[in-house]
Each structure stands twice: as structure tokens, then as C-alpha cells.
Amino acid sequence: MRHYTQDDGRNPWTEKDVEDLKKAYKKYPYQVPQHLLLKHGHGGCYTKSHRLGIAKGIRNPGVDLSSLTREEVGYIAGFMDGEGSICFCLGKNMKPTIQFPNTNREVIDWLLKKLTVGGLSITVREKKNPKWKTLYQIHIGGIKNVFDILVKIEPYLIIKRDKARQAIKELKGRYSLEST
């Protein structure tokens, strides 16, 4: 096993780091401490947890949405109904995603703040026509991320409720996921 030094930009794992990582994986959904993410990154924390045998098979542990108010969940669901999309294929490798596009950067920033998870990216599309506004789009990937968000907003959805229920059912069946 290679021991990393400060010179190559990586930090070695200390006994305290390993203990903190083990504590984080005891509670679900896993919330890796910020100091470990800053020191080792998401990939480094996942790799270490996998090597220690404490990772549960799904790379991203999911999203803790317990701090959201009912109003915030309702707003996110309304945004999903009006602007968002739920994407998944029923083929061999299911790669579900949720997308939230909008031309208002404030709305996108608010969603980013509320749905900060691994597997999240934002795209800015260049205007091809000077009359068009700039488009910002959030892409949320990761099996458990998508599952947790859909389970949380599904009761508030109207237009996309059936699609969300179908995705939840597929994810539960394929990956034995349970709602938290």
C-alpha cells in the first residue's frame, strides 16, 4: 500500500481520520465529516471506506433531506413538476438522474444549497441566439441520491407523480433500497 506525502498533494490517513470515517458509516444516511472531505475528497473517503469494508455497495450514501421544511419540499416538488425531469432507463445499467433547468440563477443557487449532494453538477448553456437567456441546469445523479429526493418530493408532485412512483419502484426492486 502506498503511503502518500504532502509533496504529491495527497494527505495520509491518520488513525483519527479512520475512526471518524467509521463513525460516519454507522449512521444512515452517511454524512462524511467536512474535515475528511476537505482533506481526502469524496473519492478518497469512498475508496478508504471500501478498503475498510464499511461501504455498503452504493457509492453515494444518499441525501439527508431531514432539515428541509414542508414548504421547501413542496417548492422543490412544484419546481420538478413545472421545470424538472426524471430520467432513467430500464436497461441493464440503470443510471437515474434528476434535472432542474432554469434561466434564473437565484433559483438554481437556492436548489444547489438545499440539495447539496455528491453526484451533483451544474451546466451553463451558452446562448445560440442573442434573444435567448442563459440556461442553468442542475444534474443530480447517483442511485441513492435520486431515490432519496424522489421519495421526499413524491407526495407533493402532481404532474410527475406517476413517473416518480415508477422510478422509486424500479430503484427499490433493483437495489433493495428503503426510504429513511
C-alpha atoms as a PDB file:
ATOM      1  CA  MET A   1       0.000   0.000   0.000  1.00  0.00           C
ATOM      2  CA  ARG A   2       1.393   3.375  -0.991  1.00  0.00           C
ATOM      3  CA  HIS A   3       1.879   5.999   1.699  1.00  0.00           C
ATOM      4  CA  TYR A   4       1.125   9.463   0.347  1.00  0.00           C
ATOM      5  CA  THR A   5       3.091  12.502   1.330  1.00  0.00           C
ATOM      6  CA  GLN A   6       2.230  16.173   1.336  1.00  0.00           C
ATOM      7  CA  ASP A   7       4.518  16.595  -1.716  1.00  0.00           C
ATOM      8  CA  ASP A   8       2.205  14.816  -4.135  1.00  0.00           C
ATOM      9  CA  GLY A   9      -0.864  16.708  -2.947  1.00  0.00           C
ATOM     10  CA  ARG A  10      -2.458  13.860  -1.017  1.00  0.00           C
ATOM     11  CA  ASN A  11      -2.776  13.543   2.716  1.00  0.00           C
ATOM     12  CA  PRO A  12      -2.129  10.298   4.587  1.00  0.00           C
ATOM     13  CA  TRP A  13      -4.965   8.827   6.631  1.00  0.00           C
ATOM     14  CA  THR A  14      -4.431   9.187  10.373  1.00  0.00           C
ATOM     15  CA  GLU A  15      -5.952   6.852  12.971  1.00  0.00           C
ATOM     16  CA  LYS A  16      -8.347   9.663  13.937  1.00  0.00           C
ATOM     17  CA  ASP A  17      -9.403  10.072  10.277  1.00  0.00           C
ATOM     18  CA  VAL A  18     -10.174   6.354  10.036  1.00  0.00           C
ATOM     19  CA  GLU A  19     -12.112   6.430  13.321  1.00  0.00           C
ATOM     20  CA  ASP A  20     -14.147   9.452  12.152  1.00  0.00           C
ATOM     21  CA  LEU A  21     -14.913   7.706   8.853  1.00  0.00           C
ATOM     22  CA  LYS A  22     -16.070   4.554  10.653  1.00  0.00           C
ATOM     23  CA  LYS A  23     -18.346   6.648  12.900  1.00  0.00           C
ATOM     24  CA  ALA A  24     -19.849   8.352   9.840  1.00  0.00           C
ATOM     25  CA  TYR A  25     -20.741   4.980   8.264  1.00  0.00           C
ATOM     26  CA  LYS A  26     -22.502   3.752  11.421  1.00  0.00           C
ATOM     27  CA  LYS A  27     -25.393   6.199  10.934  1.00  0.00           C
ATOM     28  CA  TYR A  28     -27.532   6.240   7.819  1.00  0.00           C
ATOM     29  CA  PRO A  29     -27.622   8.278   5.678  1.00  0.00           C
ATOM     30  CA  TYR A  30     -23.865   8.554   5.863  1.00  0.00           C
ATOM     31  CA  GLN A  31     -22.607  12.073   6.395  1.00  0.00           C
ATOM     32  CA  VAL A  32     -18.844  12.080   5.938  1.00  0.00           C
ATOM     33  CA  PRO A  33     -17.406  14.837   8.153  1.00  0.00           C
ATOM     34  CA  GLN A  34     -16.457  18.006   6.317  1.00  0.00           C
ATOM     35  CA  HIS A  35     -12.852  17.878   7.559  1.00  0.00           C
ATOM     36  CA  LEU A  36     -12.407  14.462   5.909  1.00  0.00           C
ATOM     37  CA  LEU A  37     -13.944  15.651   2.638  1.00  0.00           C
ATOM     38  CA  LEU A  38     -11.640  18.663   2.590  1.00  0.00           C
ATOM     39  CA  LYS A  39      -8.585  16.560   3.404  1.00  0.00           C
ATOM     40  CA  HIS A  40      -9.260  13.450   1.279  1.00  0.00           C
ATOM     41  CA  GLY A  41     -12.156  14.315  -1.104  1.00  0.00           C
ATOM     42  CA  HIS A  42     -15.302  12.282  -1.832  1.00  0.00           C
ATOM     43  CA  GLY A  43     -13.436   9.687  -3.876  1.00  0.00           C
ATOM     44  CA  GLY A  44     -10.732   9.255  -1.243  1.00  0.00           C
ATOM     45  CA  CYS A  45     -13.303   8.784   1.530  1.00  0.00           C
ATOM     46  CA  TYR A  46     -15.250   6.267  -0.543  1.00  0.00           C
ATOM     47  CA  THR A  47     -12.122   4.337  -1.508  1.00  0.00           C
ATOM     48  CA  LYS A  48     -10.955   4.196   2.105  1.00  0.00           C
ATOM     49  CA  SER A  49     -14.400   3.072   3.344  1.00  0.00           C
ATOM     50  CA  HIS A  50     -14.471   0.384   0.644  1.00  0.00           C
ATOM     51  CA  ARG A  51     -10.992  -0.865   1.616  1.00  0.00           C
ATOM     52  CA  LEU A  52     -12.052  -0.930   5.276  1.00  0.00           C
ATOM     53  CA  GLY A  53     -15.117  -2.980   4.309  1.00  0.00           C
ATOM     54  CA  ILE A  54     -17.624  -0.450   5.644  1.00  0.00           C
ATOM     55  CA  ALA A  55     -19.042   0.789   2.289  1.00  0.00           C
ATOM     56  CA  LYS A  56     -22.406  -0.783   1.528  1.00  0.00           C
ATOM     57  CA  GLY A  57     -22.081  -1.230  -2.238  1.00  0.00           C
ATOM     58  CA  ILE A  58     -23.680   2.017  -3.379  1.00  0.00           C
ATOM     59  CA  ARG A  59     -21.013   4.652  -3.824  1.00  0.00           C
ATOM     60  CA  ASN A  60     -23.046   7.629  -2.690  1.00  0.00           C
ATOM     61  CA  PRO A  61     -24.784   7.124   0.639  1.00  0.00           C
ATOM     62  CA  GLY A  62     -27.767   9.261  -0.261  1.00  0.00           C
ATOM     63  CA  VAL A  63     -29.077  12.606   0.803  1.00  0.00           C
ATOM     64  CA  ASP A  64     -30.109  13.810   4.228  1.00  0.00           C
ATOM     65  CA  LEU A  65     -33.202  15.890   3.491  1.00  0.00           C
ATOM     66  CA  SER A  66     -34.443  15.936   7.085  1.00  0.00           C
ATOM     67  CA  SER A  67     -33.614  19.629   7.516  1.00  0.00           C
ATOM     68  CA  LEU A  68     -35.992  20.699   4.713  1.00  0.00           C
ATOM     69  CA  THR A  69     -39.308  22.213   5.769  1.00  0.00           C
ATOM     70  CA  ARG A  70     -42.605  21.022   4.253  1.00  0.00           C
ATOM     71  CA  GLU A  71     -42.769  24.289   2.320  1.00  0.00           C
ATOM     72  CA  GLU A  72     -39.282  23.767   0.875  1.00  0.00           C
ATOM     73  CA  VAL A  73     -40.085  20.177  -0.134  1.00  0.00           C
ATOM     74  CA  GLY A  74     -43.321  21.421  -1.722  1.00  0.00           C
ATOM     75  CA  TYR A  75     -41.451  24.127  -3.614  1.00  0.00           C
ATOM     76  CA  ILE A  76     -38.896  21.625  -4.914  1.00  0.00           C
ATOM     77  CA  ALA A  77     -41.727  19.300  -5.983  1.00  0.00           C
ATOM     78  CA  GLY A  78     -43.520  22.178  -7.723  1.00  0.00           C
ATOM     79  CA  PHE A  79     -40.308  23.101  -9.490  1.00  0.00           C
ATOM     80  CA  MET A  80     -39.891  19.446 -10.547  1.00  0.00           C
ATOM     81  CA  ASP A  81     -43.472  19.377 -11.875  1.00  0.00           C
ATOM     82  CA  GLY A  82     -43.027  22.578 -13.859  1.00  0.00           C
ATOM     83  CA  GLU A  83     -39.392  22.601 -14.985  1.00  0.00           C
ATOM     84  CA  GLY A  84     -37.632  19.420 -13.866  1.00  0.00           C
ATOM     85  CA  SER A  85     -37.222  15.987 -15.339  1.00  0.00           C
ATOM     86  CA  ILE A  86     -36.806  12.458 -14.004  1.00  0.00           C
ATOM     87  CA  CYS A  87     -34.635  10.351 -16.291  1.00  0.00           C
ATOM     88  CA  PHE A  88     -33.965   6.619 -16.057  1.00  0.00           C
ATOM     89  CA  CYS A  89     -33.611   3.716 -18.432  1.00  0.00           C
ATOM     90  CA  LEU A  90     -34.949   0.261 -17.689  1.00  0.00           C
ATOM     91  CA  GLY A  91     -31.983  -1.443 -19.356  1.00  0.00           C
ATOM     92  CA  LYS A  92     -29.197  -3.406 -17.718  1.00  0.00           C
ATOM     93  CA  ASN A  93     -27.378  -0.398 -16.214  1.00  0.00           C
ATOM     94  CA  MET A  94     -29.953   1.950 -14.745  1.00  0.00           C
ATOM     95  CA  LYS A  95     -28.440   5.420 -14.344  1.00  0.00           C
ATOM     96  CA  PRO A  96     -31.176   7.610 -12.905  1.00  0.00           C
ATOM     97  CA  THR A  97     -30.858  11.380 -12.892  1.00  0.00           C
ATOM     98  CA  ILE A  98     -32.952  14.335 -11.868  1.00  0.00           C
ATOM     99  CA  GLN A  99     -32.571  17.584 -13.771  1.00  0.00           C
ATOM    100  CA  PHE A 100     -33.628  21.098 -12.854  1.00  0.00           C
ATOM    101  CA  PRO A 101     -33.152  23.650 -15.684  1.00  0.00           C
ATOM    102  CA  ASN A 102     -33.902  27.370 -15.346  1.00  0.00           C
ATOM    103  CA  THR A 103     -32.760  30.745 -16.615  1.00  0.00           C
ATOM    104  CA  ASN A 104     -32.906  32.292 -13.136  1.00  0.00           C
ATOM    105  CA  ARG A 105     -29.546  31.767 -11.408  1.00  0.00           C
ATOM    106  CA  GLU A 106     -31.042  32.604  -7.966  1.00  0.00           C
ATOM    107  CA  VAL A 107     -33.437  29.651  -8.171  1.00  0.00           C
ATOM    108  CA  ILE A 108     -30.631  27.320  -9.231  1.00  0.00           C
ATOM    109  CA  ASP A 109     -28.400  28.570  -6.393  1.00  0.00           C
ATOM    110  CA  TRP A 110     -31.236  28.000  -3.878  1.00  0.00           C
ATOM    111  CA  LEU A 111     -31.748  24.440  -5.159  1.00  0.00           C
ATOM    112  CA  LEU A 112     -27.997  23.800  -5.017  1.00  0.00           C
ATOM    113  CA  LYS A 113     -27.959  24.961  -1.397  1.00  0.00           C
ATOM    114  CA  LYS A 114     -30.898  22.746  -0.432  1.00  0.00           C
ATOM    115  CA  LEU A 115     -29.873  19.672  -2.437  1.00  0.00           C
ATOM    116  CA  THR A 116     -26.114  19.683  -1.911  1.00  0.00           C
ATOM    117  CA  VAL A 117     -25.106  16.096  -2.544  1.00  0.00           C
ATOM    118  CA  GLY A 118     -22.368  14.160  -4.247  1.00  0.00           C
ATOM    119  CA  GLY A 119     -23.093  13.396  -7.866  1.00  0.00           C
ATOM    120  CA  LEU A 120     -24.469  16.879  -8.464  1.00  0.00           C
ATOM    121  CA  SER A 121     -23.285  19.084 -11.284  1.00  0.00           C
ATOM    122  CA  ILE A 122     -24.386  22.335 -12.835  1.00  0.00           C
ATOM    123  CA  THR A 123     -24.207  23.140 -16.521  1.00  0.00           C
ATOM    124  CA  VAL A 124     -24.371  26.548 -18.113  1.00  0.00           C
ATOM    125  CA  ARG A 125     -25.546  26.509 -21.718  1.00  0.00           C
ATOM    126  CA  GLU A 126     -24.301  29.226 -23.985  1.00  0.00           C
ATOM    127  CA  LYS A 127     -26.868  31.284 -25.856  1.00  0.00           C
ATOM    128  CA  LYS A 128     -27.052  30.399 -29.529  1.00  0.00           C
ATOM    129  CA  ASN A 129     -29.411  33.269 -30.159  1.00  0.00           C
ATOM    130  CA  PRO A 130     -28.844  36.736 -28.665  1.00  0.00           C
ATOM    131  CA  LYS A 131     -32.549  36.919 -27.741  1.00  0.00           C
ATOM    132  CA  TRP A 132     -32.288  33.832 -25.508  1.00  0.00           C
ATOM    133  CA  LYS A 133     -31.400  33.876 -21.826  1.00  0.00           C
ATOM    134  CA  THR A 134     -28.553  31.834 -20.358  1.00  0.00           C
ATOM    135  CA  LEU A 135     -29.753  28.404 -19.185  1.00  0.00           C
ATOM    136  CA  TYR A 136     -28.514  26.884 -15.915  1.00  0.00           C
ATOM    137  CA  GLN A 137     -29.183  23.210 -15.294  1.00  0.00           C
ATOM    138  CA  ILE A 138     -28.583  21.049 -12.231  1.00  0.00           C
ATOM    139  CA  HIS A 139     -27.965  17.344 -12.859  1.00  0.00           C
ATOM    140  CA  ILE A 140     -28.321  15.073  -9.830  1.00  0.00           C
ATOM    141  CA  GLY A 141     -27.055  11.554 -10.314  1.00  0.00           C
ATOM    142  CA  GLY A 142     -26.385   8.596  -8.093  1.00  0.00           C
ATOM    143  CA  ILE A 143     -28.866   5.853  -7.373  1.00  0.00           C
ATOM    144  CA  LYS A 144     -29.364   6.682  -3.706  1.00  0.00           C
ATOM    145  CA  ASN A 145     -29.401  10.467  -4.283  1.00  0.00           C
ATOM    146  CA  VAL A 146     -32.176  10.208  -6.864  1.00  0.00           C
ATOM    147  CA  PHE A 147     -34.104   7.696  -4.747  1.00  0.00           C
ATOM    148  CA  ASP A 148     -33.963   9.851  -1.587  1.00  0.00           C
ATOM    149  CA  ILE A 149     -35.065  13.007  -3.391  1.00  0.00           C
ATOM    150  CA  LEU A 150     -37.913  11.279  -5.241  1.00  0.00           C
ATOM    151  CA  VAL A 151     -39.198   9.626  -2.069  1.00  0.00           C
ATOM    152  CA  LYS A 152     -39.178  13.002  -0.307  1.00  0.00           C
ATOM    153  CA  ILE A 153     -40.949  15.011  -3.031  1.00  0.00           C
ATOM    154  CA  GLU A 154     -43.291  12.308  -4.407  1.00  0.00           C
ATOM    155  CA  PRO A 155     -46.248  13.121  -2.097  1.00  0.00           C
ATOM    156  CA  TYR A 156     -46.153  16.749  -3.303  1.00  0.00           C
ATOM    157  CA  LEU A 157     -45.887  16.010  -7.031  1.00  0.00           C
ATOM    158  CA  ILE A 158     -48.935  16.310  -9.258  1.00  0.00           C
ATOM    159  CA  ILE A 159     -47.894  16.056 -12.908  1.00  0.00           C
ATOM    160  CA  LYS A 160     -44.830  13.834 -12.488  1.00  0.00           C
ATOM    161  CA  ARG A 161     -46.112  11.700  -9.603  1.00  0.00           C
ATOM    162  CA  ASP A 162     -46.579   8.556 -11.739  1.00  0.00           C
ATOM    163  CA  LYS A 163     -43.084   8.870 -13.218  1.00  0.00           C
ATOM    164  CA  ALA A 164     -41.613   9.341  -9.715  1.00  0.00           C
ATOM    165  CA  ARG A 165     -43.524   6.320  -8.391  1.00  0.00           C
ATOM    166  CA  GLN A 166     -42.306   4.199 -11.296  1.00  0.00           C
ATOM    167  CA  ALA A 167     -38.690   5.274 -10.685  1.00  0.00           C
ATOM    168  CA  ILE A 168     -38.991   4.631  -6.923  1.00  0.00           C
ATOM    169  CA  LYS A 169     -40.463   1.177  -7.572  1.00  0.00           C
ATOM    170  CA  GLU A 170     -37.692   0.281 -10.051  1.00  0.00           C
ATOM    171  CA  LEU A 171     -34.946   1.525  -7.736  1.00  0.00           C
ATOM    172  CA  LYS A 172     -36.410  -0.334  -4.736  1.00  0.00           C
ATOM    173  CA  GLY A 173     -36.715  -3.550  -6.716  1.00  0.00           C
ATOM    174  CA  ARG A 174     -33.344  -3.388  -8.391  1.00  0.00           C
ATOM    175  CA  TYR A 175     -31.223  -2.164  -5.474  1.00  0.00           C
ATOM    176  CA  SER A 176     -33.280  -3.208  -2.405  1.00  0.00           C
ATOM    177  CA  LEU A 177     -33.479   0.407  -1.249  1.00  0.00           C
ATOM    178  CA  GLU A 178     -35.636   1.536   1.634  1.00  0.00           C
ATOM    179  CA  SER A 179     -36.903   5.000   2.495  1.00  0.00           C
ATOM    180  CA  THR A 180     -35.388   6.645   5.533  1.00  0.00           C
END
